[in-house]
């Protein structure tokens, strides 16, 4: 299985998907990234995806979750589909955590990149699953991880940098 994104050019996420973009909801960058899945294994029923920032750990003490998706039933997610697609269910992101304190319903969906200290590496991990997970809108990363146990057929990951400052 292979995952790719037109939103990553020369190893960098395009500005519009984060703090330097023009689309915001509740103070969060809200234009979600596009991605495509190719060569999913036979028996794939759905996909799950996690967009996160391990470089946030030194800043806030944990991996910052930007977007989590379950029960994705297609192989292409178009730019800006967060909060409007009927082809997947979204969980809450870290903007609902102890730093930004948004209620879970406002932080469900894509919450884009805004590294506070330096360029960060963001990972998009996609999992091919042998079932639908049946999670409800606003689920947490922990719900997703434990629901996927024993159902992952394949996975792939892409990494891109994002810098909040102008180049």
C-alpha atoms as a PDB file:
ATOM      1  CA  UNK A   1       0.000   0.000   0.000  1.00  0.00           C
ATOM      2  CA  UNK A   2       1.212   3.509  -0.792  1.00  0.00           C
ATOM      3  CA  UNK A   3      -0.025   6.892   0.468  1.00  0.00           C
ATOM      4  CA  UNK A   4       0.734  10.193  -1.251  1.00  0.00           C
ATOM      5  CA  UNK A   5      -0.383  13.810  -0.961  1.00  0.00           C
ATOM      6  CA  UNK A   6      -0.376  16.704  -3.408  1.00  0.00           C
ATOM      7  CA  UNK A   7      -0.279  18.853  -0.266  1.00  0.00           C
ATOM      8  CA  UNK A   8       3.398  17.989   0.258  1.00  0.00           C
ATOM      9  CA  UNK A   9       5.814  19.547  -2.218  1.00  0.00           C
ATOM     10  CA  UNK A  10       9.580  19.031  -1.936  1.00  0.00           C
ATOM     11  CA  UNK A  11       9.111  17.564   1.536  1.00  0.00           C
ATOM     12  CA  UNK A  12       7.029  20.492   2.865  1.00  0.00           C
ATOM     13  CA  UNK A  13       3.300  20.813   3.477  1.00  0.00           C
ATOM     14  CA  UNK A  14       1.926  23.749   1.522  1.00  0.00           C
ATOM     15  CA  UNK A  15       1.356  26.896   3.605  1.00  0.00           C
ATOM     16  CA  UNK A  16      -2.419  26.836   3.086  1.00  0.00           C
ATOM     17  CA  UNK A  17      -2.867  23.743   5.293  1.00  0.00           C
ATOM     18  CA  UNK A  18      -1.617  25.437   8.450  1.00  0.00           C
ATOM     19  CA  UNK A  19      -1.060  28.673  10.314  1.00  0.00           C
ATOM     20  CA  UNK A  20       0.034  30.507   7.151  1.00  0.00           C
ATOM     21  CA  UNK A  21      -3.179  29.637   5.332  1.00  0.00           C
ATOM     22  CA  UNK A  22      -6.447  31.547   4.954  1.00  0.00           C
ATOM     23  CA  UNK A  23      -9.022  29.084   6.346  1.00  0.00           C
ATOM     24  CA  UNK A  24      -9.714  28.945  10.093  1.00  0.00           C
ATOM     25  CA  UNK A  25     -12.460  27.542  12.330  1.00  0.00           C
ATOM     26  CA  UNK A  26     -12.427  28.370  16.071  1.00  0.00           C
ATOM     27  CA  UNK A  27      -8.857  29.677  15.652  1.00  0.00           C
ATOM     28  CA  UNK A  28      -7.599  26.406  14.081  1.00  0.00           C
ATOM     29  CA  UNK A  29      -6.248  26.178  10.537  1.00  0.00           C
ATOM     30  CA  UNK A  30      -9.064  24.284   8.826  1.00  0.00           C
ATOM     31  CA  UNK A  31      -8.211  23.534   5.185  1.00  0.00           C
ATOM     32  CA  UNK A  32      -7.556  19.801   5.356  1.00  0.00           C
ATOM     33  CA  UNK A  33      -4.879  18.148   3.283  1.00  0.00           C
ATOM     34  CA  UNK A  34      -5.620  15.900   0.316  1.00  0.00           C
ATOM     35  CA  UNK A  35      -4.253  12.380   0.141  1.00  0.00           C
ATOM     36  CA  UNK A  36      -4.490   9.283  -2.031  1.00  0.00           C
ATOM     37  CA  UNK A  37      -4.149   5.586  -1.244  1.00  0.00           C
ATOM     38  CA  UNK A  38      -2.899   3.131  -3.855  1.00  0.00           C
ATOM     39  CA  UNK A  39      -2.456  -0.634  -3.922  1.00  0.00           C
ATOM     40  CA  UNK A  40      -4.599  -1.427  -0.885  1.00  0.00           C
ATOM     41  CA  UNK A  41      -4.431  -5.118  -0.010  1.00  0.00           C
ATOM     42  CA  UNK A  42      -7.171  -7.544  -0.907  1.00  0.00           C
ATOM     43  CA  UNK A  43      -9.749  -7.735   1.850  1.00  0.00           C
ATOM     44  CA  UNK A  44      -9.574  -4.034   2.708  1.00  0.00           C
ATOM     45  CA  UNK A  45     -12.973  -2.870   3.960  1.00  0.00           C
ATOM     46  CA  UNK A  46     -12.036   0.600   5.253  1.00  0.00           C
ATOM     47  CA  UNK A  47      -9.111   2.858   6.065  1.00  0.00           C
ATOM     48  CA  UNK A  48      -8.106   4.878   9.125  1.00  0.00           C
ATOM     49  CA  UNK A  49      -5.753   7.868   9.131  1.00  0.00           C
ATOM     50  CA  UNK A  50      -3.791   9.838  11.713  1.00  0.00           C
ATOM     51  CA  UNK A  51      -2.077  13.179  11.056  1.00  0.00           C
ATOM     52  CA  UNK A  52       0.129  14.081  14.000  1.00  0.00           C
ATOM     53  CA  UNK A  53       3.209  15.968  15.163  1.00  0.00           C
ATOM     54  CA  UNK A  54       5.789  14.091  17.236  1.00  0.00           C
ATOM     55  CA  UNK A  55       7.973  17.225  17.247  1.00  0.00           C
ATOM     56  CA  UNK A  56       5.364  18.769  19.578  1.00  0.00           C
ATOM     57  CA  UNK A  57       6.495  16.517  22.452  1.00  0.00           C
ATOM     58  CA  UNK A  58       9.308  18.843  23.667  1.00  0.00           C
ATOM     59  CA  UNK A  59       6.903  21.815  23.477  1.00  0.00           C
ATOM     60  CA  UNK A  60       3.760  20.459  25.115  1.00  0.00           C
ATOM     61  CA  UNK A  61       4.702  17.024  26.432  1.00  0.00           C
ATOM     62  CA  UNK A  62       2.705  14.886  23.991  1.00  0.00           C
ATOM     63  CA  UNK A  63       2.208  13.976  20.348  1.00  0.00           C
ATOM     64  CA  UNK A  64      -0.139  16.637  18.918  1.00  0.00           C
ATOM     65  CA  UNK A  65      -3.058  15.110  16.980  1.00  0.00           C
ATOM     66  CA  UNK A  66      -4.149  17.204  13.990  1.00  0.00           C
ATOM     67  CA  UNK A  67      -6.642  14.876  12.323  1.00  0.00           C
ATOM     68  CA  UNK A  68      -7.969  11.373  12.863  1.00  0.00           C
ATOM     69  CA  UNK A  69     -10.261   9.523  10.494  1.00  0.00           C
ATOM     70  CA  UNK A  70     -12.029   6.174  10.749  1.00  0.00           C
ATOM     71  CA  UNK A  71     -14.235   4.170   8.389  1.00  0.00           C
ATOM     72  CA  UNK A  72     -12.824   5.851   5.270  1.00  0.00           C
ATOM     73  CA  UNK A  73     -14.446   3.993   2.380  1.00  0.00           C
ATOM     74  CA  UNK A  74     -12.624   5.538  -0.580  1.00  0.00           C
ATOM     75  CA  UNK A  75      -9.022   5.833  -1.713  1.00  0.00           C
ATOM     76  CA  UNK A  76      -8.847   9.594  -2.199  1.00  0.00           C
ATOM     77  CA  UNK A  77      -9.594  12.397   0.237  1.00  0.00           C
ATOM     78  CA  UNK A  78      -9.818  15.750  -1.463  1.00  0.00           C
ATOM     79  CA  UNK A  79      -8.529  19.051  -0.117  1.00  0.00           C
ATOM     80  CA  UNK A  80     -10.914  20.584   2.393  1.00  0.00           C
ATOM     81  CA  UNK A  81     -13.102  17.491   2.889  1.00  0.00           C
ATOM     82  CA  UNK A  82     -12.850  17.616   6.671  1.00  0.00           C
ATOM     83  CA  UNK A  83     -16.201  18.315   8.310  1.00  0.00           C
ATOM     84  CA  UNK A  84     -18.141  17.787   5.057  1.00  0.00           C
ATOM     85  CA  UNK A  85     -17.434  14.269   3.801  1.00  0.00           C
ATOM     86  CA  UNK A  86     -19.959  11.491   4.289  1.00  0.00           C
ATOM     87  CA  UNK A  87     -17.283   8.917   3.366  1.00  0.00           C
ATOM     88  CA  UNK A  88     -15.545   8.857   6.765  1.00  0.00           C
ATOM     89  CA  UNK A  89     -15.992   9.755  10.426  1.00  0.00           C
ATOM     90  CA  UNK A  90     -13.648  12.180  12.213  1.00  0.00           C
ATOM     91  CA  UNK A  91     -12.314  12.203  15.736  1.00  0.00           C
ATOM     92  CA  UNK A  92     -11.226  15.089  17.914  1.00  0.00           C
ATOM     93  CA  UNK A  93      -7.821  16.688  17.605  1.00  0.00           C
ATOM     94  CA  UNK A  94      -5.462  18.083  20.260  1.00  0.00           C
ATOM     95  CA  UNK A  95      -6.893  21.587  19.928  1.00  0.00           C
ATOM     96  CA  UNK A  96      -9.423  20.248  22.459  1.00  0.00           C
ATOM     97  CA  UNK A  97      -6.642  19.464  24.928  1.00  0.00           C
ATOM     98  CA  UNK A  98      -5.272  21.294  27.922  1.00  0.00           C
ATOM     99  CA  UNK A  99      -3.575  24.046  25.876  1.00  0.00           C
ATOM    100  CA  UNK A 100      -6.301  25.311  23.567  1.00  0.00           C
ATOM    101  CA  UNK A 101      -9.293  24.056  25.554  1.00  0.00           C
ATOM    102  CA  UNK A 102     -11.816  23.904  22.731  1.00  0.00           C
ATOM    103  CA  UNK A 103     -14.762  21.637  23.479  1.00  0.00           C
ATOM    104  CA  UNK A 104     -14.492  18.279  21.702  1.00  0.00           C
ATOM    105  CA  UNK A 105     -17.289  19.073  19.230  1.00  0.00           C
ATOM    106  CA  UNK A 106     -15.448  22.206  18.028  1.00  0.00           C
ATOM    107  CA  UNK A 107     -12.139  20.334  17.755  1.00  0.00           C
ATOM    108  CA  UNK A 108     -13.546  17.386  15.828  1.00  0.00           C
ATOM    109  CA  UNK A 109     -12.059  17.263  12.347  1.00  0.00           C
ATOM    110  CA  UNK A 110      -8.926  18.753  10.878  1.00  0.00           C
ATOM    111  CA  UNK A 111      -6.981  21.197  13.042  1.00  0.00           C
ATOM    112  CA  UNK A 112      -4.024  22.279  10.961  1.00  0.00           C
ATOM    113  CA  UNK A 113      -0.359  22.854  11.598  1.00  0.00           C
ATOM    114  CA  UNK A 114       0.946  25.722  13.722  1.00  0.00           C
ATOM    115  CA  UNK A 115       4.349  24.818  15.161  1.00  0.00           C
ATOM    116  CA  UNK A 116       5.270  27.397  17.825  1.00  0.00           C
ATOM    117  CA  UNK A 117       9.033  27.013  18.000  1.00  0.00           C
ATOM    118  CA  UNK A 118      10.580  25.760  14.755  1.00  0.00           C
ATOM    119  CA  UNK A 119       9.684  23.724  11.648  1.00  0.00           C
ATOM    120  CA  UNK A 120       7.996  20.463  12.683  1.00  0.00           C
ATOM    121  CA  UNK A 121       7.719  17.115  10.919  1.00  0.00           C
ATOM    122  CA  UNK A 122       4.122  15.962  10.491  1.00  0.00           C
ATOM    123  CA  UNK A 123       3.258  12.343   9.812  1.00  0.00           C
ATOM    124  CA  UNK A 124       0.231  11.103   7.935  1.00  0.00           C
ATOM    125  CA  UNK A 125      -0.261   7.435   8.736  1.00  0.00           C
ATOM    126  CA  UNK A 126      -2.908   5.450   6.852  1.00  0.00           C
ATOM    127  CA  UNK A 127      -4.058   1.959   7.791  1.00  0.00           C
ATOM    128  CA  UNK A 128      -5.934  -0.531   5.602  1.00  0.00           C
ATOM    129  CA  UNK A 129      -8.405  -2.426   7.783  1.00  0.00           C
ATOM    130  CA  UNK A 130     -10.383  -5.637   7.359  1.00  0.00           C
ATOM    131  CA  UNK A 131     -13.530  -4.072   8.875  1.00  0.00           C
ATOM    132  CA  UNK A 132     -15.320  -0.855   9.653  1.00  0.00           C
ATOM    133  CA  UNK A 133     -14.651   0.327  13.191  1.00  0.00           C
ATOM    134  CA  UNK A 134     -18.020   1.916  13.923  1.00  0.00           C
ATOM    135  CA  UNK A 135     -16.584   4.783  15.960  1.00  0.00           C
ATOM    136  CA  UNK A 136     -18.771   7.817  16.535  1.00  0.00           C
ATOM    137  CA  UNK A 137     -17.923  11.380  15.513  1.00  0.00           C
ATOM    138  CA  UNK A 138     -15.590  12.958  18.078  1.00  0.00           C
ATOM    139  CA  UNK A 139     -13.799   9.733  19.043  1.00  0.00           C
ATOM    140  CA  UNK A 140     -10.336   9.966  20.586  1.00  0.00           C
ATOM    141  CA  UNK A 141      -7.026   8.649  19.313  1.00  0.00           C
ATOM    142  CA  UNK A 142      -7.080   6.021  22.039  1.00  0.00           C
ATOM    143  CA  UNK A 143     -10.476   4.793  20.760  1.00  0.00           C
ATOM    144  CA  UNK A 144      -9.062   4.488  17.248  1.00  0.00           C
ATOM    145  CA  UNK A 145      -5.846   2.731  18.231  1.00  0.00           C
ATOM    146  CA  UNK A 146      -7.587   0.099  20.339  1.00  0.00           C
ATOM    147  CA  UNK A 147     -10.388  -0.447  17.793  1.00  0.00           C
ATOM    148  CA  UNK A 148      -7.791  -1.114  15.042  1.00  0.00           C
ATOM    149  CA  UNK A 149      -6.004  -3.843  17.025  1.00  0.00           C
ATOM    150  CA  UNK A 150      -6.042  -7.095  15.081  1.00  0.00           C
ATOM    151  CA  UNK A 151      -7.600  -5.474  11.982  1.00  0.00           C
ATOM    152  CA  UNK A 152      -4.639  -3.802  10.235  1.00  0.00           C
ATOM    153  CA  UNK A 153      -3.866  -5.374   6.850  1.00  0.00           C
ATOM    154  CA  UNK A 154      -1.283  -2.788   5.741  1.00  0.00           C
ATOM    155  CA  UNK A 155      -0.066   0.694   6.582  1.00  0.00           C
ATOM    156  CA  UNK A 156       1.984   3.471   5.087  1.00  0.00           C
ATOM    157  CA  UNK A 157       3.246   6.827   6.269  1.00  0.00           C
ATOM    158  CA  UNK A 158       4.341  10.059   4.647  1.00  0.00           C
ATOM    159  CA  UNK A 159       6.184  12.883   6.388  1.00  0.00           C
ATOM    160  CA  UNK A 160       6.264  16.577   5.585  1.00  0.00           C
ATOM    161  CA  UNK A 161       7.702  19.675   7.244  1.00  0.00           C
ATOM    162  CA  UNK A 162       5.707  22.763   8.123  1.00  0.00           C
ATOM    163  CA  UNK A 163       7.151  26.085   9.281  1.00  0.00           C
ATOM    164  CA  UNK A 164       4.943  28.796  10.768  1.00  0.00           C
ATOM    165  CA  UNK A 165       7.383  31.512   9.705  1.00  0.00           C
ATOM    166  CA  UNK A 166       7.757  32.920   6.220  1.00  0.00           C
ATOM    167  CA  UNK A 167      10.643  31.472   4.267  1.00  0.00           C
END
